[in-house]
Amino acid sequence: GQLYNTVAYGEDIVKVSFSAKAASTNGTVKVSYSTNGSSWTDITTQSLTTTTTEYDVLVSASGVKYIKFTAGGTRPSSGNYSIYVDDVAVYSKSASSVPGCI
């Protein structure tokens, strides 16, 4: 599955903070950015554990208005395949953060 903002942020995004965990140890979350909401560039893929962990992802490109999270990993033979992303905060150069906007 994917989670992303559908309305552009007013200022360029420079950092995204979030917490995440997986229901099983095989989960990953990929973080991507876009300047136009349709073409995406991957920033990082985090391997998740079953313990909630906080992540900070720096965005080095200019003109970034959109952030996307994509679930991934190897599906377990049984059990829950869910990942959980929470406490999302998006940072611009001039504002400290805009929490919970995705």
Protein backbone atom coordinates (compact mmCIF):
# COMPACT_ATOMS: atom_id res chain seq x y z
CA GLY A 1 0.00 0.00 0.00
CA GLN A 2 0.93 3.65 -0.32
CA LEU A 3 0.35 6.75 1.75
CA TYR A 4 1.06 10.24 0.38
CA ASN A 5 -0.19 13.82 0.40
CA THR A 6 -2.46 14.80 -2.47
CA VAL A 7 -2.18 18.57 -1.95
CA ALA A 8 1.24 20.18 -2.40
CA TYR A 9 2.92 21.66 0.66
CA GLY A 10 3.31 25.42 0.45
CA GLU A 11 7.06 25.35 1.05
CA ASP A 12 9.84 23.01 -0.01
CA ILE A 13 10.16 19.93 2.19
CA VAL A 14 13.64 19.40 3.66
CA LYS A 15 13.03 16.63 6.23
CA VAL A 16 10.42 14.05 7.22
CA SER A 17 10.23 12.42 10.64
CA PHE A 18 8.02 9.45 11.44
CA SER A 19 7.74 6.35 13.58
CA ALA A 20 7.12 2.93 12.10
CA LYS A 21 6.98 -0.77 12.87
CA ALA A 22 5.98 -4.00 11.14
CA ALA A 23 3.62 -6.71 12.31
CA SER A 24 6.31 -9.22 11.27
CA THR A 25 10.08 -8.78 10.95
CA ASN A 26 9.93 -8.87 7.14
CA GLY A 27 8.37 -5.43 6.61
CA THR A 28 9.92 -2.39 4.97
CA VAL A 29 8.81 1.16 4.30
CA LYS A 30 10.13 3.12 1.31
CA VAL A 31 10.13 6.93 1.47
CA SER A 32 9.93 8.85 -1.82
CA TYR A 33 9.53 12.48 -2.85
CA SER A 34 8.00 14.37 -5.76
CA THR A 35 8.03 17.92 -7.04
CA ASN A 36 4.81 17.49 -9.05
CA GLY A 37 2.80 14.70 -7.36
CA SER A 38 3.17 12.23 -10.23
CA SER A 39 6.89 11.46 -10.74
CA TRP A 40 8.53 9.95 -7.64
CA THR A 41 12.17 9.59 -6.56
CA ASP A 42 13.10 7.13 -3.81
CA ILE A 43 15.01 8.51 -0.82
CA THR A 44 15.42 5.46 1.38
CA THR A 45 13.98 2.07 2.29
CA GLN A 46 13.90 1.22 5.99
CA SER A 47 13.79 -2.37 7.24
CA LEU A 48 11.27 -2.46 10.07
CA THR A 49 11.18 -4.49 13.26
CA THR A 50 8.19 -5.27 15.46
CA THR A 51 9.24 -2.45 17.81
CA THR A 52 8.23 1.12 16.99
CA THR A 53 11.29 3.09 15.86
CA GLU A 54 11.62 6.78 15.02
CA TYR A 55 13.18 7.81 11.70
CA ASP A 56 14.44 11.13 10.30
CA VAL A 57 14.79 11.35 6.51
CA LEU A 58 16.58 14.32 4.94
CA VAL A 59 15.40 15.57 1.55
CA SER A 60 18.30 17.09 -0.39
CA ALA A 61 16.47 18.02 -3.62
CA SER A 62 14.85 21.43 -4.11
CA GLY A 63 11.22 22.01 -5.02
CA VAL A 64 9.93 18.95 -3.10
CA LYS A 65 6.20 19.33 -2.32
CA TYR A 66 5.08 15.69 -1.85
CA ILE A 67 6.20 12.74 0.31
CA LYS A 68 5.12 9.12 -0.16
CA PHE A 69 5.43 6.03 2.05
CA THR A 70 5.24 2.61 0.35
CA ALA A 71 4.89 -0.67 2.26
CA GLY A 72 7.08 -3.56 1.20
CA GLY A 73 9.02 -6.58 2.33
CA THR A 74 8.63 -10.32 2.10
CA ARG A 75 5.14 -11.59 2.84
CA PRO A 76 5.27 -14.09 5.74
CA SER A 77 3.85 -17.58 5.17
CA SER A 78 1.32 -16.89 7.92
CA GLY A 79 0.42 -14.02 10.19
CA ASN A 80 -0.02 -10.31 9.77
CA TYR A 81 1.71 -8.43 6.91
CA SER A 82 0.83 -4.93 8.13
CA ILE A 83 3.17 -2.02 8.66
CA TYR A 84 2.36 0.95 10.86
CA VAL A 85 3.49 4.53 10.15
CA ASP A 86 2.65 7.19 12.74
CA ASP A 87 3.74 10.58 14.10
CA VAL A 88 4.58 11.98 10.66
CA ALA A 89 6.11 15.48 10.74
CA VAL A 90 7.15 17.35 7.59
CA TYR A 91 9.76 20.10 7.85
CA SER A 92 10.41 23.06 5.56
CA LYS A 93 13.37 25.46 5.55
CA SER A 94 11.45 28.21 7.35
CA ALA A 95 8.90 26.26 9.42
CA SER A 96 9.86 23.83 12.17
CA SER A 97 7.27 21.20 11.21
CA VAL A 98 3.79 20.54 9.93
CA PRO A 99 2.74 17.40 11.83
CA GLY A 100 0.12 14.92 10.69
CA CYS A 101 -0.54 16.31 7.21
CA ILE A 102 -0.24 13.02 5.32
